[in-house]
PDB file of N, CA and C in Angstrom:
ATOM      1  N   MET A   1    -208.754 -94.311 -67.597  1.00  0.00           N
ATOM      2  CA  MET A   1    -208.873 -95.240 -68.753  1.00  0.00           C
ATOM      3  C   MET A   1    -209.096 -93.883 -69.567  1.00  0.00           C
ATOM      4  N   ASN A   2    -209.055 -92.750 -69.901  1.00  0.00           N
ATOM      5  CA  ASN A   2    -209.478 -91.198 -70.439  1.00  0.00           C
ATOM      6  C   ASN A   2    -207.600 -91.569 -71.064  1.00  0.00           C
ATOM      7  N   LYS A   3    -206.639 -92.349 -70.390  1.00  0.00           N
ATOM      8  CA  LYS A   3    -205.853 -92.382 -71.385  1.00  0.00           C
ATOM      9  C   LYS A   3    -204.859 -93.667 -72.310  1.00  0.00           C
ATOM     10  N   ILE A   4    -206.155 -94.139 -71.521  1.00  0.00           N
ATOM     11  CA  ILE A   4    -205.729 -95.708 -72.677  1.00  0.00           C
ATOM     12  C   ILE A   4    -206.640 -95.239 -73.770  1.00  0.00           C
ATOM     13  N   VAL A   5    -207.651 -94.675 -73.928  1.00  0.00           N
ATOM     14  CA  VAL A   5    -208.357 -94.723 -75.159  1.00  0.00           C
ATOM     15  C   VAL A   5    -207.183 -93.429 -75.784  1.00  0.00           C
ATOM     16  N   LYS A   6    -207.001 -92.229 -75.333  1.00  0.00           N
ATOM     17  CA  LYS A   6    -206.368 -91.609 -75.739  1.00  0.00           C
ATOM     18  C   LYS A   6    -204.711 -92.039 -76.348  1.00  0.00           C
ATOM     19  N   ILE A   7    -204.555 -93.033 -75.621  1.00  0.00           N
ATOM     20  CA  ILE A   7    -203.154 -94.222 -76.527  1.00  0.00           C
ATOM     21  C   ILE A   7    -203.581 -94.808 -77.208  1.00  0.00           C
ATOM     22  N   ALA A   8    -204.634 -95.697 -77.645  1.00  0.00           N
ATOM     23  CA  ALA A   8    -205.233 -96.683 -78.728  1.00  0.00           C
ATOM     24  C   ALA A   8    -205.889 -95.267 -79.660  1.00  0.00           C
ATOM     25  N   LEU A   9    -206.171 -94.795 -79.584  1.00  0.00           N
ATOM     26  CA  LEU A   9    -206.599 -93.951 -80.678  1.00  0.00           C
ATOM     27  C   LEU A   9    -204.634 -93.344 -80.730  1.00  0.00           C
ATOM     28  N   GLY A  10    -203.384 -92.830 -80.622  1.00  0.00           N
ATOM     29  CA  GLY A  10    -202.481 -92.356 -81.333  1.00  0.00           C
ATOM     30  C   GLY A  10    -202.020 -93.124 -82.225  1.00  0.00           C
ATOM     31  N   ALA A  11    -202.717 -94.273 -80.998  1.00  0.00           N
ATOM     32  CA  ALA A  11    -201.534 -95.761 -81.567  1.00  0.00           C
ATOM     33  C   ALA A  11    -202.243 -95.827 -83.844  1.00  0.00           C
ATOM     34  N   THR A  12    -203.444 -95.620 -83.627  1.00  0.00           N
ATOM     35  CA  THR A  12    -204.365 -96.209 -84.037  1.00  0.00           C
ATOM     36  C   THR A  12    -203.417 -95.758 -85.780  1.00  0.00           C
ATOM     37  N   LEU A  13    -203.727 -94.533 -85.015  1.00  0.00           N
ATOM     38  CA  LEU A  13    -203.698 -92.499 -85.981  1.00  0.00           C
ATOM     39  C   LEU A  13    -202.280 -93.239 -86.956  1.00  0.00           C
ATOM     40  N   LEU A  14    -201.536 -93.414 -85.992  1.00  0.00           N
ATOM     41  CA  LEU A  14    -200.015 -94.239 -85.982  1.00  0.00           C
ATOM     42  C   LEU A  14    -199.669 -94.107 -87.751  1.00  0.00           C
ATOM     43  N   LEU A  15    -200.270 -95.969 -86.746  1.00  0.00           N
ATOM     44  CA  LEU A  15    -200.119 -96.522 -88.106  1.00  0.00           C
ATOM     45  C   LEU A  15    -201.046 -96.540 -89.071  1.00  0.00           C
ATOM     46  N   ALA A  16    -202.056 -96.015 -89.417  1.00  0.00           N
ATOM     47  CA  ALA A  16    -203.485 -95.324 -90.679  1.00  0.00           C
ATOM     48  C   ALA A  16    -201.443 -94.863 -91.081  1.00  0.00           C
ATOM     49  N   LEU A  17    -200.440 -93.768 -90.400  1.00  0.00           N
ATOM     50  CA  LEU A  17    -200.500 -92.938 -91.509  1.00  0.00           C
ATOM     51  C   LEU A  17    -199.471 -93.111 -92.020  1.00  0.00           C
ATOM     52  N   GLY A  18    -197.881 -93.642 -91.217  1.00  0.00           N
ATOM     53  CA  GLY A  18    -197.163 -94.017 -90.898  1.00  0.00           C
ATOM     54  C   GLY A  18    -197.063 -95.886 -92.154  1.00  0.00           C
ATOM     55  N   SER A  19    -198.327 -96.383 -92.056  1.00  0.00           N
ATOM     56  CA  SER A  19    -198.171 -97.526 -92.790  1.00  0.00           C
ATOM     57  C   SER A  19    -199.164 -97.012 -94.405  1.00  0.00           C
ATOM     58  N   THR A  20    -198.153 -97.400 -95.870  1.00  0.00           N
ATOM     59  CA  THR A  20    -198.366 -97.102 -96.642  1.00  0.00           C
ATOM     60  C   THR A  20    -197.999 -98.298 -97.724  1.00  0.00           C
ATOM     61  N   VAL A  21    -199.449 -98.476 -98.679  1.00  0.00           N
ATOM     62  CA  VAL A  21    -199.947 -98.545 -99.945  1.00  0.00           C
ATOM     63  C   VAL A  21    -198.800 -99.548-100.808  1.00  0.00           C
ATOM     64  N   VAL A  22    -197.351-100.415-100.821  1.00  0.00           N
ATOM     65  CA  VAL A  22    -196.786 -99.704-101.954  1.00  0.00           C
ATOM     66  C   VAL A  22    -197.720-101.262-103.182  1.00  0.00           C
ATOM     67  N   SER A  23    -198.272-100.524-104.307  1.00  0.00           N
ATOM     68  CA  SER A  23    -198.332-100.735-105.682  1.00  0.00           C
ATOM     69  C   SER A  23    -197.274-100.816-106.376  1.00  0.00           C
ATOM     70  N   ALA A  24    -197.795-102.106-106.965  1.00  0.00           N
ATOM     71  CA  ALA A  24    -197.336-101.483-108.698  1.00  0.00           C
ATOM     72  C   ALA A  24    -198.336-101.131-109.872  1.00  0.00           C
ATOM     73  N   ASP A  25    -197.741-101.581-111.000  1.00  0.00           N
ATOM     74  CA  ASP A  25    -199.138-100.482-111.825  1.00  0.00           C
ATOM     75  C   ASP A  25    -198.986-100.652-113.160  1.00  0.00           C
ATOM     76  N   ALA A  26    -199.444-102.007-114.645  1.00  0.00           N
ATOM     77  CA  ALA A  26    -198.923-101.699-115.623  1.00  0.00           C
ATOM     78  C   ALA A  26    -199.156-100.759-116.721  1.00  0.00           C
ATOM     79  N   THR A  27    -199.875 -99.639-115.728  1.00  0.00           N
ATOM     80  CA  THR A  27    -199.858 -98.184-116.837  1.00  0.00           C
ATOM     81  C   THR A  27    -198.470 -98.083-116.812  1.00  0.00           C
ATOM     82  N   LYS A  28    -197.758 -97.740-114.716  1.00  0.00           N
ATOM     83  CA  LYS A  28    -196.103 -96.756-115.513  1.00  0.00           C
ATOM     84  C   LYS A  28    -195.646 -97.933-116.392  1.00  0.00           C
ATOM     85  N   GLY A  29    -195.641 -98.961-115.503  1.00  0.00           N
ATOM     86  CA  GLY A  29    -194.368-100.079-116.185  1.00  0.00           C
ATOM     87  C   GLY A  29    -194.420 -99.655-118.096  1.00  0.00           C
ATOM     88  N   GLN A  30    -195.986 -99.955-118.695  1.00  0.00           N
ATOM     89  CA  GLN A  30    -196.210 -99.057-119.548  1.00  0.00           C
ATOM     90  C   GLN A  30    -194.890 -98.189-120.027  1.00  0.00           C
ATOM     91  N   LYS A  31    -195.275 -96.963-119.402  1.00  0.00           N
ATOM     92  CA  LYS A  31    -194.697 -96.058-119.826  1.00  0.00           C
ATOM     93  C   LYS A  31    -192.931 -96.367-119.271  1.00  0.00           C
ATOM     94  N   LEU A  32    -192.718 -96.911-118.077  1.00  0.00           N
ATOM     95  CA  LEU A  32    -190.969 -97.135-118.219  1.00  0.00           C
ATOM     96  C   LEU A  32    -190.171 -98.200-119.760  1.00  0.00           C
ATOM     97  N   TYR A  33    -191.122 -99.397-119.797  1.00  0.00           N
ATOM     98  CA  TYR A  33    -191.097 -99.932-120.755  1.00  0.00           C
ATOM     99  C   TYR A  33    -190.201 -98.782-121.947  1.00  0.00           C
ATOM    100  N   ALA A  34    -191.442 -97.607-122.606  1.00  0.00           N
ATOM    101  CA  ALA A  34    -191.314 -97.324-123.582  1.00  0.00           C
ATOM    102  C   ALA A  34    -190.963 -96.559-123.857  1.00  0.00           C
ATOM    103  N   LYS A  35    -189.543 -96.296-122.259  1.00  0.00           N
ATOM    104  CA  LYS A  35    -188.925 -94.141-122.058  1.00  0.00           C
ATOM    105  C   LYS A  35    -187.764 -95.504-122.668  1.00  0.00           C
ATOM    106  N   LYS A  36    -188.204 -96.402-121.511  1.00  0.00           N
ATOM    107  CA  LYS A  36    -186.192 -96.383-121.221  1.00  0.00           C
ATOM    108  C   LYS A  36    -186.434 -97.748-122.422  1.00  0.00           C
ATOM    109  N   PHE A  37    -186.894 -98.776-122.139  1.00  0.00           N
ATOM    110  CA  PHE A  37    -186.159-100.329-122.680  1.00  0.00           C
ATOM    111  C   PHE A  37    -185.880 -99.595-124.430  1.00  0.00           C
ATOM    112  N   LYS A  38    -187.439-100.074-125.114  1.00  0.00           N
ATOM    113  CA  LYS A  38    -187.999 -99.742-125.856  1.00  0.00           C
ATOM    114  C   LYS A  38    -186.943 -99.808-127.017  1.00  0.00           C
ATOM    115  N   ALA A  39    -186.425 -98.936-126.896  1.00  0.00           N
ATOM    116  CA  ALA A  39    -185.791 -98.532-127.435  1.00  0.00           C
ATOM    117  C   ALA A  39    -184.109 -98.921-128.052  1.00  0.00           C
ATOM    118  N   THR A  40    -184.161 -99.190-126.694  1.00  0.00           N
ATOM    119  CA  THR A  40    -182.729-100.164-126.588  1.00  0.00           C
ATOM    120  C   THR A  40    -183.330-101.913-127.581  1.00  0.00           C
ATOM    121  N   CYS A  41    -184.444-101.931-127.160  1.00  0.00           N
ATOM    122  CA  CYS A  41    -184.340-103.588-126.845  1.00  0.00           C
ATOM    123  C   CYS A  41    -185.143-103.883-128.668  1.00  0.00           C
ATOM    124  N   GLY A  42    -185.552-103.151-129.393  1.00  0.00           N
ATOM    125  CA  GLY A  42    -185.439-103.289-130.528  1.00  0.00           C
ATOM    126  C   GLY A  42    -187.270-104.413-130.388  1.00  0.00           C
ATOM    127  N   MET A  43    -187.711-103.767-129.669  1.00  0.00           N
ATOM    128  CA  MET A  43    -189.126-104.881-129.710  1.00  0.00           C
ATOM    129  C   MET A  43    -190.380-103.592-129.034  1.00  0.00           C
ATOM    130  N   THR A  44    -191.393-103.803-129.273  1.00  0.00           N
ATOM    131  CA  THR A  44    -192.507-102.897-128.566  1.00  0.00           C
ATOM    132  C   THR A  44    -192.702-104.231-127.387  1.00  0.00           C
ATOM    133  N   GLY A  45    -193.376-103.369-126.109  1.00  0.00           N
ATOM    134  CA  GLY A  45    -193.997-103.527-125.064  1.00  0.00           C
ATOM    135  C   GLY A  45    -194.720-104.788-125.213  1.00  0.00           C
ATOM    136  N   GLY A  46    -195.091-105.150-126.650  1.00  0.00           N
ATOM    137  CA  GLY A  46    -196.425-106.361-126.241  1.00  0.00           C
ATOM    138  C   GLY A  46    -195.540-107.355-125.533  1.00  0.00           C
ATOM    139  N   ASP A  47    -194.837-107.123-127.447  1.00  0.00           N
ATOM    140  CA  ASP A  47    -193.736-107.579-127.535  1.00  0.00           C
ATOM    141  C   ASP A  47    -193.211-109.101-127.003  1.00  0.00           C
ATOM    142  N   VAL A  48    -192.517-108.329-126.243  1.00  0.00           N
ATOM    143  CA  VAL A  48    -192.340-108.880-124.938  1.00  0.00           C
ATOM    144  C   VAL A  48    -192.673-109.852-123.869  1.00  0.00           C
ATOM    145  N   ALA A  49    -193.809-108.505-123.277  1.00  0.00           N
ATOM    146  CA  ALA A  49    -194.665-109.391-122.384  1.00  0.00           C
ATOM    147  C   ALA A  49    -195.378-110.611-123.073  1.00  0.00           C
ATOM    148  N   ALA A  50    -195.667-110.242-124.548  1.00  0.00           N
ATOM    149  CA  ALA A  50    -196.617-112.179-125.339  1.00  0.00           C
ATOM    150  C   ALA A  50    -195.384-113.496-125.330  1.00  0.00           C
ATOM    151  N   LYS A  51    -193.517-112.805-124.720  1.00  0.00           N
ATOM    152  CA  LYS A  51    -192.932-114.346-124.714  1.00  0.00           C
ATOM    153  C   LYS A  51    -193.517-115.264-123.998  1.00  0.00           C
ATOM    154  N   HIS A  52    -194.175-114.355-123.035  1.00  0.00           N
ATOM    155  CA  HIS A  52    -194.526-116.098-121.937  1.00  0.00           C
ATOM    156  C   HIS A  52    -195.776-115.488-121.245  1.00  0.00           C
ATOM    157  N   THR A  53    -196.421-116.809-121.431  1.00  0.00           N
ATOM    158  CA  THR A  53    -197.884-115.877-120.128  1.00  0.00           C
ATOM    159  C   THR A  53    -198.029-116.060-118.889  1.00  0.00           C
ATOM    160  N   GLN A  54    -199.287-115.154-118.328  1.00  0.00           N
ATOM    161  CA  GLN A  54    -199.401-114.586-117.317  1.00  0.00           C
ATOM    162  C   GLN A  54    -198.584-116.128-115.993  1.00  0.00           C
ATOM    163  N   ASP A  55    -198.916-117.513-115.848  1.00  0.00           N
ATOM    164  CA  ASP A  55    -198.190-117.822-115.778  1.00  0.00           C
ATOM    165  C   ASP A  55    -196.566-118.362-115.130  1.00  0.00           C
ATOM    166  N   GLU A  56    -196.134-117.896-116.900  1.00  0.00           N
ATOM    167  CA  GLU A  56    -194.634-117.942-116.910  1.00  0.00           C
ATOM    168  C   GLU A  56    -194.096-116.446-115.488  1.00  0.00           C
ATOM    169  N   TRP A  57    -194.812-115.590-116.126  1.00  0.00           N
ATOM    170  CA  TRP A  57    -194.420-114.238-115.755  1.00  0.00           C
ATOM    171  C   TRP A  57    -194.546-114.180-114.037  1.00  0.00           C
ATOM    172  N   ASP A  58    -195.423-114.905-113.612  1.00  0.00           N
ATOM    173  CA  ASP A  58    -195.414-115.271-112.525  1.00  0.00           C
ATOM    174  C   ASP A  58    -194.619-116.145-110.902  1.00  0.00           C
ATOM    175  N   GLU A  59    -194.184-116.553-112.610  1.00  0.00           N
ATOM    176  CA  GLU A  59    -192.453-118.111-111.790  1.00  0.00           C
ATOM    177  C   GLU A  59    -191.961-117.559-112.129  1.00  0.00           C
ATOM    178  N   ILE A  60    -191.227-116.358-113.216  1.00  0.00           N
ATOM    179  CA  ILE A  60    -189.919-115.517-112.605  1.00  0.00           C
ATOM    180  C   ILE A  60    -190.553-114.083-112.333  1.00  0.00           C
ATOM    181  N   ASN A  61    -191.362-114.496-111.939  1.00  0.00           N
ATOM    182  CA  ASN A  61    -190.962-112.810-110.812  1.00  0.00           C
ATOM    183  C   ASN A  61    -191.053-113.123-109.789  1.00  0.00           C
ATOM    184  N   GLU A  62    -191.544-114.398-108.899  1.00  0.00           N
ATOM    185  CA  GLU A  62    -191.769-115.464-108.394  1.00  0.00           C
ATOM    186  C   GLU A  62    -189.821-114.953-107.999  1.00  0.00           C
ATOM    187  N   ALA A  63    -189.443-116.379-109.089  1.00  0.00           N
ATOM    188  CA  ALA A  63    -187.968-116.494-108.546  1.00  0.00           C
ATOM    189  C   ALA A  63    -186.113-115.681-108.747  1.00  0.00           C
ATOM    190  N   GLY A  64    -187.611-114.187-109.292  1.00  0.00           N
ATOM    191  CA  GLY A  64    -186.424-112.960-108.589  1.00  0.00           C
ATOM    192  C   GLY A  64    -185.803-112.703-109.458  1.00  0.00           C
ATOM    193  N   ASN A  65    -186.377-112.720-111.207  1.00  0.00           N
ATOM    194  CA  ASN A  65    -185.698-113.245-112.376  1.00  0.00           C
ATOM    195  C   ASN A  65    -185.909-111.691-113.659  1.00  0.00           C
ATOM    196  N   ILE A  66    -187.396-111.491-113.028  1.00  0.00           N
ATOM    197  CA  ILE A  66    -187.437-109.882-113.546  1.00  0.00           C
ATOM    198  C   ILE A  66    -186.507-109.028-115.173  1.00  0.00           C
ATOM    199  N   ALA A  67    -185.765-109.121-114.179  1.00  0.00           N
ATOM    200  CA  ALA A  67    -185.006-107.998-114.714  1.00  0.00           C
ATOM    201  C   ALA A  67    -183.773-109.461-115.682  1.00  0.00           C
ATOM    202  N   THR A  68    -183.805-110.561-115.015  1.00  0.00           N
ATOM    203  CA  THR A  68    -182.185-111.544-115.619  1.00  0.00           C
ATOM    204  C   THR A  68    -182.930-111.086-117.634  1.00  0.00           C
ATOM    205  N   GLU A  69    -184.668-111.934-116.921  1.00  0.00           N
ATOM    206  CA  GLU A  69    -185.490-112.109-118.204  1.00  0.00           C
ATOM    207  C   GLU A  69    -185.622-111.405-119.057  1.00  0.00           C
ATOM    208  N   ILE A  70    -185.651-109.705-119.051  1.00  0.00           N
ATOM    209  CA  ILE A  70    -185.343-108.783-119.852  1.00  0.00           C
ATOM    210  C   ILE A  70    -184.568-108.412-120.182  1.00  0.00           C
ATOM    211  N   LYS A  71    -183.355-108.761-119.818  1.00  0.00           N
ATOM    212  CA  LYS A  71    -182.089-108.790-120.246  1.00  0.00           C
ATOM    213  C   LYS A  71    -181.804-109.516-121.193  1.00  0.00           C
ATOM    214  N   THR A  72    -182.700-111.227-120.721  1.00  0.00           N
ATOM    215  CA  THR A  72    -182.153-112.285-122.217  1.00  0.00           C
ATOM    216  C   THR A  72    -183.776-112.376-124.048  1.00  0.00           C
ATOM    217  N   ILE A  73    -183.568-112.004-123.201  1.00  0.00           N
ATOM    218  CA  ILE A  73    -185.521-111.418-123.880  1.00  0.00           C
ATOM    219  C   ILE A  73    -184.481-109.951-125.200  1.00  0.00           C
ATOM    220  N   CYS A  74    -184.137-109.338-124.033  1.00  0.00           N
ATOM    221  CA  CYS A  74    -183.059-107.755-125.290  1.00  0.00           C
ATOM    222  C   CYS A  74    -182.088-107.572-124.512  1.00  0.00           C
ATOM    223  N   PRO A  75    -180.749-108.648-125.337  1.00  0.00           N
ATOM    224  CA  PRO A  75    -179.419-108.829-124.618  1.00  0.00           C
ATOM    225  C   PRO A  75    -178.949-107.014-124.792  1.00  0.00           C
ATOM    226  N   LYS A  76    -179.089-106.289-125.829  1.00  0.00           N
ATOM    227  CA  LYS A  76    -178.581-104.640-125.643  1.00  0.00           C
ATOM    228  C   LYS A  76    -179.678-104.045-123.745  1.00  0.00           C
ATOM    229  N   VAL A  77    -179.923-104.285-123.666  1.00  0.00           N
ATOM    230  CA  VAL A  77    -180.376-102.912-122.651  1.00  0.00           C
ATOM    231  C   VAL A  77    -179.110-103.856-121.036  1.00  0.00           C
ATOM    232  N   ASP A  78    -179.206-102.374-121.158  1.00  0.00           N
ATOM    233  CA  ASP A  78    -177.260-103.028-120.113  1.00  0.00           C
ATOM    234  C   ASP A  78    -177.826-103.490-118.574  1.00  0.00           C
ATOM    235  N   SER A  79    -178.959-102.141-118.022  1.00  0.00           N
ATOM    236  CA  SER A  79    -179.025-103.029-116.299  1.00  0.00           C
ATOM    237  C   SER A  79    -180.969-102.623-116.664  1.00  0.00           C
ATOM    238  N   VAL A  80    -181.752-103.301-115.096  1.00  0.00           N
ATOM    239  CA  VAL A  80    -182.926-102.321-115.329  1.00  0.00           C
ATOM    240  C   VAL A  80    -182.666-101.982-113.386  1.00  0.00           C
ATOM    241  N   LYS A  81    -183.087-100.819-112.881  1.00  0.00           N
ATOM    242  CA  LYS A  81    -183.332-100.544-112.170  1.00  0.00           C
ATOM    243  C   LYS A  81    -184.327-101.568-111.408  1.00  0.00           C
ATOM    244  N   GLY A  82    -184.201-101.999-110.012  1.00  0.00           N
ATOM    245  CA  GLY A  82    -184.933-102.078-109.079  1.00  0.00           C
ATOM    246  C   GLY A  82    -186.203-102.486-109.079  1.00  0.00           C
ATOM    247  N   LYS A  83    -186.191-100.986-108.802  1.00  0.00           N
ATOM    248  CA  LYS A  83    -187.014 -99.560-108.859  1.00  0.00           C
ATOM    249  C   LYS A  83    -188.287 -99.687-109.731  1.00  0.00           C
ATOM    250  N   TYR A  84    -187.992-100.746-111.117  1.00  0.00           N
ATOM    251  CA  TYR A  84    -189.311-100.603-111.931  1.00  0.00           C
ATOM    252  C   TYR A  84    -189.341-101.719-111.428  1.00  0.00           C
ATOM    253  N   VAL A  85    -188.320-102.715-111.026  1.00  0.00           N
ATOM    254  CA  VAL A  85    -189.082-103.928-111.300  1.00  0.00           C
ATOM    255  C   VAL A  85    -191.114-104.431-111.335  1.00  0.00           C
ATOM    256  N   PRO A  86    -191.827-104.269-110.264  1.00  0.00           N
ATOM    257  CA  PRO A  86    -192.214-104.241-109.809  1.00  0.00           C
ATOM    258  C   PRO A  86    -193.095-104.086-111.325  1.00  0.00           C
ATOM    259  N   HIS A  87    -193.254-102.441-111.321  1.00  0.00           N
ATOM    260  CA  HIS A  87    -193.890-102.090-112.297  1.00  0.00           C
ATOM    261  C   HIS A  87    -194.098-102.644-113.299  1.00  0.00           C
ATOM    262  N   LEU A  88    -192.874-102.921-114.418  1.00  0.00           N
ATOM    263  CA  LEU A  88    -192.893-103.960-115.491  1.00  0.00           C
ATOM    264  C   LEU A  88    -193.149-104.828-114.949  1.00  0.00           C
ATOM    265  N   TYR A  89    -193.642-105.979-113.968  1.00  0.00           N
ATOM    266  CA  TYR A  89    -193.496-107.446-114.263  1.00  0.00           C
ATOM    267  C   TYR A  89    -195.197-107.414-113.840  1.00  0.00           C
ATOM    268  N   ASP A  90    -195.793-105.468-113.915  1.00  0.00           N
ATOM    269  CA  ASP A  90    -197.392-105.742-113.593  1.00  0.00           C
ATOM    270  C   ASP A  90    -197.594-105.996-115.730  1.00  0.00           C
ATOM    271  N   PHE A  91    -197.100-104.251-115.989  1.00  0.00           N
ATOM    272  CA  PHE A  91    -196.979-105.406-116.566  1.00  0.00           C
ATOM    273  C   PHE A  91    -197.102-105.833-118.342  1.00  0.00           C
ATOM    274  N   PHE A  92    -195.664-106.621-118.218  1.00  0.00           N
ATOM    275  CA  PHE A  92    -195.801-108.090-118.952  1.00  0.00           C
ATOM    276  C   PHE A  92    -196.475-109.085-118.265  1.00  0.00           C
ATOM    277  N   LYS A  93    -197.599-109.309-117.057  1.00  0.00           N
ATOM    278  CA  LYS A  93    -198.252-110.131-117.036  1.00  0.00           C
ATOM    279  C   LYS A  93    -199.495-109.739-117.383  1.00  0.00           C
ATOM    280  N   GLU A  94    -200.022-108.238-117.656  1.00  0.00           N
ATOM    281  CA  GLU A  94    -201.600-107.123-118.106  1.00  0.00           C
ATOM    282  C   GLU A  94    -201.692-108.062-119.301  1.00  0.00           C
ATOM    283  N   PHE A  95    -200.203-107.675-120.763  1.00  0.00           N
ATOM    284  CA  PHE A  95    -199.806-107.944-121.236  1.00  0.00           C
ATOM    285  C   PHE A  95    -199.795-109.338-121.969  1.00  0.00           C
ATOM    286  N   ALA A  96    -199.603-110.706-121.405  1.00  0.00           N
ATOM    287  CA  ALA A  96    -198.791-111.560-121.659  1.00  0.00           C
ATOM    288  C   ALA A  96    -199.354-112.155-122.512  1.00  0.00           C
ATOM    289  N   SER A  97    -199.096-113.447-123.165  1.00  0.00           N
ATOM    290  CA  SER A  97    -199.232-113.909-125.075  1.00  0.00           C
ATOM    291  C   SER A  97    -201.071-114.591-124.176  1.00  0.00           C
ATOM    292  N   ASP A  98    -201.091-115.277-123.346  1.00  0.00           N
ATOM    293  CA  ASP A  98    -202.948-115.719-122.844  1.00  0.00           C
ATOM    294  C   ASP A  98    -203.743-114.666-122.538  1.00  0.00           C
ATOM    295  N   SER A  99    -203.021-112.931-122.007  1.00  0.00           N
ATOM    296  CA  SER A  99    -204.180-112.948-122.085  1.00  0.00           C
ATOM    297  C   SER A  99    -205.754-112.181-122.425  1.00  0.00           C
ATOM    298  N   GLY A 100    -204.523-112.280-123.892  1.00  0.00           N
ATOM    299  CA  GLY A 100    -206.106-111.090-124.481  1.00  0.00           C
ATOM    300  C   GLY A 100    -205.978-109.112-124.384  1.00  0.00           C
ATOM    301  N   ASN A 101    -204.810-109.439-123.956  1.00  0.00           N
ATOM    302  CA  ASN A 101    -205.034-107.704-124.275  1.00  0.00           C
ATOM    303  C   ASN A 101    -202.994-107.178-124.796  1.00  0.00           C
ATOM    304  N   VAL A 102    -203.767-106.005-125.260  1.00  0.00           N
ATOM    305  CA  VAL A 102    -203.417-105.186-126.973  1.00  0.00           C
ATOM    306  C   VAL A 102    -203.198-103.808-126.259  1.00  0.00           C
ATOM    307  N   PRO A 103    -201.084-103.625-125.493  1.00  0.00           N
ATOM    308  CA  PRO A 103    -201.220-102.737-125.012  1.00  0.00           C
ATOM    309  C   PRO A 103    -200.582-101.218-126.172  1.00  0.00           C
ATOM    310  N   SER A 104    -200.701-100.679-125.725  1.00  0.00           N
ATOM    311  CA  SER A 104    -201.204 -99.409-126.904  1.00  0.00           C
ATOM    312  C   SER A 104    -199.694 -98.167-127.541  1.00  0.00           C
ATOM    313  N   CYS A 105    -198.509 -99.771-126.797  1.00  0.00           N
ATOM    314  CA  CYS A 105    -196.877 -98.700-127.418  1.00  0.00           C
ATOM    315  C   CYS A 105    -196.295 -99.967-128.048  1.00  0.00           C
TER     316      CYS A 105
END
């Protein structure tokens, strides 16, 4: 019985430490946009975000087309790294045309 309890506690500890929550951040997306894309695009992040509503950004994200949409809105942007996409998506959705929020960049 003692051995089973130790195994169960060990497995629980391993799962707790081994699993990390991956979450995107609108603030990080705003900083990424300002640093990597604002000069090339020639538009503020708020202008890009306001091109679509929150629902439209959801649809674009679900289709996996955030990077493509950025290139469509800002043709001078060469590429968008995949690791930036979740943060940019959160930023664009947070400051979409129907959100009522205004970014500082």
